[in-house]
Amino acid sequence: MDIFDILGPIMVGPSSSHTAGAARIGGMARALLGTAPVKAQIRLHGSFAQTGAGHGTDRALVGGLLGMKPDDLRIPRAFEAAQEAGLQFTIDKVELRDAHPNTAVVEVWSADGRKLKMQAASLGGGRIEVQELDGIAVRFTGDFHTLLIRNQDEFGAVAAVTGQLSRMRINVANMSLCRQGRSSEALMVIETDHRLRPAQVDTLRRLSPVLSVTYYEKEEETDA
């Protein structure tokens, strides 16, 4: 345990789990969508559903979807800010099997028709874990720069991506492979120590087995 675990994050709200973590979940959904959402369906499980309103979980999630960080003083007014920004949203409860008690399922849509469904949990101390993306089980935290690469599940796909990262001199910290079935669409989750430039992400998108690339850049990173 480090001092961050004891003191918690800098934030607006009474709870690092229910407020700071919720804001980061909303922010992650926005980042993975790749743009500001215009519509959102938020469903809360467990403690989030039972006590979330009192802890500001609902406002923190909406604030995160609007791009607010956990320490943003506008979070208590996130509902009003959403109306001003044109973000339509609903918040309901959901019962999930074997899920962390502080779990949210967030479904978002962009103005140009993109859609994302994400399940994530707030683990305490403002930390989060993304557990499902568009029906595919994943596990990543946002503590690293993260590539989410959808590809056709075929021979050489992983080697093509990791080989390109090696040529870019990008060090892989963690990597997992997920697929719904053999020879179907697969998902690589690659956490890296190094920030990727937009041109490098575009190079990955052009690889033949790759269907799409989403890049999440971790917070508060400065260039070396």
Protein backbone atom coordinates (compact mmCIF):
# COMPACT_ATOMS: atom_id res chain seq x y z
CA MET A 1 0.00 0.00 0.00
CA ASP A 2 1.33 3.46 -0.87
CA ILE A 3 0.41 6.95 0.31
CA PHE A 4 -2.08 7.33 -2.57
CA ASP A 5 -4.04 4.34 -1.28
CA ILE A 6 -4.19 5.87 2.20
CA LEU A 7 -5.07 9.46 1.29
CA GLY A 8 -6.95 8.84 -1.93
CA PRO A 9 -7.08 11.01 -5.05
CA ILE A 10 -7.67 14.74 -5.30
CA MET A 11 -11.36 14.91 -6.07
CA VAL A 12 -14.71 16.60 -5.71
CA GLY A 13 -17.16 14.51 -3.69
CA PRO A 14 -17.29 12.39 -0.56
CA SER A 15 -16.02 9.03 -1.84
CA SER A 16 -13.01 7.93 -3.87
CA SER A 17 -14.91 4.80 -4.94
CA HIS A 18 -18.32 6.33 -5.62
CA THR A 19 -17.21 9.73 -6.92
CA ALA A 20 -13.61 9.79 -8.17
CA GLY A 21 -13.80 6.26 -9.56
CA ALA A 22 -17.16 6.99 -11.16
CA ALA A 23 -15.78 10.10 -12.87
CA ARG A 24 -12.91 8.03 -14.25
CA ILE A 25 -15.30 5.38 -15.54
CA GLY A 26 -17.25 8.05 -17.40
CA GLY A 27 -14.02 9.55 -18.72
CA MET A 28 -12.82 6.15 -19.92
CA ALA A 29 -16.07 5.56 -21.84
CA ARG A 30 -15.68 8.96 -23.51
CA ALA A 31 -12.03 8.25 -24.38
CA LEU A 32 -12.77 4.84 -25.86
CA LEU A 33 -15.67 6.22 -27.88
CA GLY A 34 -13.13 8.67 -29.30
CA THR A 35 -15.32 11.76 -29.07
CA ALA A 36 -17.92 13.48 -26.93
CA PRO A 37 -21.04 11.32 -26.63
CA VAL A 38 -24.45 12.76 -27.46
CA LYS A 39 -26.43 9.98 -25.80
CA ALA A 40 -25.70 7.72 -22.85
CA GLN A 41 -27.42 4.91 -20.99
CA ILE A 42 -25.93 4.34 -17.53
CA ARG A 43 -26.85 1.33 -15.40
CA LEU A 44 -25.62 0.95 -11.84
CA HIS A 45 -25.03 -2.30 -9.95
CA GLY A 46 -24.65 -3.11 -6.27
CA SER A 47 -23.48 -0.35 -3.97
CA PHE A 48 -23.40 2.06 -6.90
CA ALA A 49 -27.13 1.47 -7.34
CA GLN A 50 -28.00 1.50 -3.64
CA THR A 51 -26.05 4.52 -2.38
CA GLY A 52 -24.74 6.14 -5.55
CA ALA A 53 -27.15 9.07 -5.57
CA GLY A 54 -26.10 10.14 -2.09
CA HIS A 55 -22.42 9.89 -2.96
CA GLY A 56 -22.79 11.74 -6.26
CA THR A 57 -21.98 8.66 -8.35
CA ASP A 58 -24.58 9.59 -10.95
CA ARG A 59 -23.24 13.13 -11.36
CA ALA A 60 -19.63 11.93 -11.40
CA LEU A 61 -20.35 9.44 -14.18
CA VAL A 62 -22.09 12.07 -16.29
CA GLY A 63 -19.29 14.54 -15.51
CA GLY A 64 -16.74 12.02 -16.74
CA LEU A 65 -18.70 11.57 -19.96
CA LEU A 66 -18.45 15.35 -20.40
CA GLY A 67 -14.68 15.22 -19.96
CA MET A 68 -14.51 16.31 -16.31
CA LYS A 69 -11.71 14.94 -14.12
CA PRO A 70 -12.38 13.79 -10.52
CA ASP A 71 -11.22 17.16 -9.13
CA ASP A 72 -13.43 19.26 -11.45
CA LEU A 73 -15.54 21.66 -9.39
CA ARG A 74 -18.35 21.39 -11.96
CA ILE A 75 -19.16 17.76 -11.07
CA PRO A 76 -22.00 18.66 -8.65
CA ARG A 77 -23.65 20.47 -11.60
CA ALA A 78 -22.94 17.73 -14.14
CA PHE A 79 -26.62 17.18 -14.97
CA GLU A 80 -27.06 20.86 -15.84
CA ALA A 81 -23.78 20.81 -17.80
CA ALA A 82 -25.02 17.79 -19.77
CA GLN A 83 -28.17 19.65 -20.74
CA GLU A 84 -26.10 22.61 -21.88
CA ALA A 85 -23.80 20.33 -23.89
CA GLY A 86 -26.69 18.45 -25.52
CA LEU A 87 -25.90 15.11 -23.86
CA GLN A 88 -29.03 13.03 -23.36
CA PHE A 89 -28.70 10.37 -20.68
CA THR A 90 -30.65 7.90 -18.58
CA ILE A 91 -29.60 6.27 -15.30
CA ASP A 92 -31.09 2.97 -14.15
CA LYS A 93 -30.24 0.02 -11.92
CA VAL A 94 -29.07 -3.39 -13.09
CA GLU A 95 -28.39 -6.72 -11.40
CA LEU A 96 -25.16 -8.33 -12.62
CA ARG A 97 -23.87 -11.78 -11.78
CA ASP A 98 -20.52 -12.04 -9.98
CA ALA A 99 -19.80 -8.32 -10.47
CA HIS A 100 -17.90 -5.95 -8.18
CA PRO A 101 -20.37 -3.98 -6.01
CA ASN A 102 -19.21 -0.67 -7.50
CA THR A 103 -19.92 -1.49 -11.12
CA ALA A 104 -21.41 0.59 -13.93
CA VAL A 105 -22.49 -0.44 -17.41
CA VAL A 106 -22.17 2.56 -19.70
CA GLU A 107 -23.49 2.61 -23.26
CA VAL A 108 -22.67 5.69 -25.32
CA TRP A 109 -23.36 6.98 -28.81
CA SER A 110 -21.57 9.67 -30.82
CA ALA A 111 -23.07 12.20 -33.22
CA ASP A 112 -21.56 10.33 -36.19
CA GLY A 113 -23.11 6.99 -35.22
CA ARG A 114 -20.35 5.31 -33.26
CA LYS A 115 -21.42 3.20 -30.30
CA LEU A 116 -19.64 1.70 -27.31
CA LYS A 117 -20.80 -0.47 -24.43
CA MET A 118 -18.46 -0.75 -21.46
CA GLN A 119 -18.66 -2.42 -18.07
CA ALA A 120 -16.23 -1.12 -15.45
CA ALA A 121 -15.78 -1.24 -11.69
CA SER A 122 -14.45 1.30 -9.21
CA LEU A 123 -11.90 -0.51 -7.04
CA GLY A 124 -11.24 2.15 -4.41
CA GLY A 125 -8.84 5.05 -4.19
CA GLY A 126 -10.13 6.36 -7.51
CA ARG A 127 -8.84 3.30 -9.36
CA ILE A 128 -10.98 1.56 -11.96
CA GLU A 129 -10.96 -1.62 -14.00
CA VAL A 130 -12.62 -2.03 -17.39
CA GLN A 131 -14.05 -5.54 -17.51
CA GLU A 132 -16.08 -5.75 -20.70
CA LEU A 133 -16.17 -3.94 -24.03
CA ASP A 134 -18.96 -4.55 -26.52
CA GLY A 135 -19.61 -8.00 -25.10
CA ILE A 136 -15.94 -9.07 -24.98
CA ALA A 137 -14.37 -9.75 -21.57
CA VAL A 138 -11.27 -7.59 -20.99
CA ARG A 139 -9.24 -6.35 -18.04
CA PHE A 140 -7.34 -3.09 -17.98
CA THR A 141 -7.11 -0.12 -15.65
CA GLY A 142 -6.04 2.97 -17.56
CA ASP A 143 -2.81 3.10 -15.53
CA PHE A 144 -0.88 2.61 -18.79
CA HIS A 145 -1.24 3.94 -22.31
CA THR A 146 -3.60 1.37 -23.82
CA LEU A 147 -4.25 0.13 -27.33
CA LEU A 148 -7.49 -1.69 -28.09
CA ILE A 149 -7.00 -3.39 -31.44
CA ARG A 150 -9.85 -5.25 -33.12
CA ASN A 151 -8.64 -7.69 -35.70
CA GLN A 152 -9.73 -10.69 -37.70
CA ASP A 153 -8.66 -13.79 -35.78
CA GLU A 154 -6.16 -15.18 -38.23
CA PHE A 155 -2.61 -16.50 -38.36
CA GLY A 156 0.04 -13.78 -37.97
CA ALA A 157 -2.25 -11.02 -36.67
CA VAL A 158 -0.57 -10.76 -33.26
CA ALA A 159 2.91 -10.93 -34.79
CA ALA A 160 2.04 -8.14 -37.23
CA VAL A 161 1.00 -5.81 -34.41
CA THR A 162 3.76 -6.65 -31.94
CA GLY A 163 6.37 -6.55 -34.69
CA GLN A 164 5.27 -3.06 -35.68
CA LEU A 165 5.39 -1.92 -32.04
CA SER A 166 8.92 -3.31 -31.79
CA ARG A 167 9.99 -1.36 -34.88
CA MET A 168 8.50 1.76 -33.26
CA ARG A 169 10.49 0.98 -30.10
CA ILE A 170 7.30 0.88 -28.03
CA ASN A 171 7.67 -1.32 -24.95
CA VAL A 172 4.69 -3.53 -24.10
CA ALA A 173 3.90 -3.60 -20.37
CA ASN A 174 0.90 -5.97 -20.48
CA MET A 175 -1.02 -7.70 -23.23
CA SER A 176 -4.14 -9.85 -23.40
CA LEU A 177 -6.00 -11.48 -26.27
CA CYS A 178 -9.77 -11.92 -26.30
CA ARG A 179 -12.03 -13.44 -28.92
CA GLN A 180 -15.62 -14.59 -29.20
CA GLY A 181 -14.74 -17.68 -31.22
CA ARG A 182 -12.12 -19.15 -33.52
CA SER A 183 -11.72 -17.28 -36.84
CA SER A 184 -14.08 -14.54 -35.65
CA GLU A 185 -13.32 -10.98 -34.57
CA ALA A 186 -10.70 -10.73 -31.81
CA LEU A 187 -9.51 -7.98 -29.50
CA MET A 188 -5.96 -7.25 -28.39
CA VAL A 189 -5.55 -5.12 -25.26
CA ILE A 190 -1.99 -3.82 -25.21
CA GLU A 191 -0.73 -1.61 -22.36
CA THR A 192 2.49 0.25 -23.15
CA ASP A 193 5.13 2.16 -21.22
CA HIS A 194 5.51 4.70 -24.01
CA ARG A 195 3.06 7.20 -25.42
CA LEU A 196 2.17 6.65 -29.07
CA ARG A 197 2.07 9.51 -31.53
CA PRO A 198 -1.00 9.88 -33.80
CA ALA A 199 1.06 8.82 -36.83
CA GLN A 200 2.10 5.62 -35.03
CA VAL A 201 -1.52 4.77 -34.20
CA ASP A 202 -2.43 5.36 -37.85
CA THR A 203 0.34 2.97 -38.93
CA LEU A 204 -1.20 0.25 -36.75
CA ARG A 205 -4.61 0.93 -38.29
CA ARG A 206 -3.19 0.24 -41.76
CA LEU A 207 -1.95 -3.26 -40.91
CA SER A 208 -3.85 -5.84 -42.98
CA PRO A 209 -5.36 -7.94 -40.15
CA VAL A 210 -6.45 -4.87 -38.16
CA LEU A 211 -10.10 -3.79 -38.27
CA SER A 212 -9.92 -0.83 -35.89
CA VAL A 213 -7.64 0.77 -33.29
CA THR A 214 -8.68 2.74 -30.22
CA TYR A 215 -5.94 4.43 -28.20
CA TYR A 216 -6.30 5.55 -24.59
CA GLU A 217 -3.61 7.87 -23.27
CA LYS A 218 -3.21 7.69 -19.53
CA GLU A 219 -3.77 10.82 -17.44
CA GLU A 220 -1.10 13.28 -16.36
CA GLU A 221 1.61 11.99 -18.65
CA THR A 222 4.39 14.34 -19.67
CA ASP A 223 6.87 13.90 -22.49
CA ALA A 224 10.24 12.52 -21.47
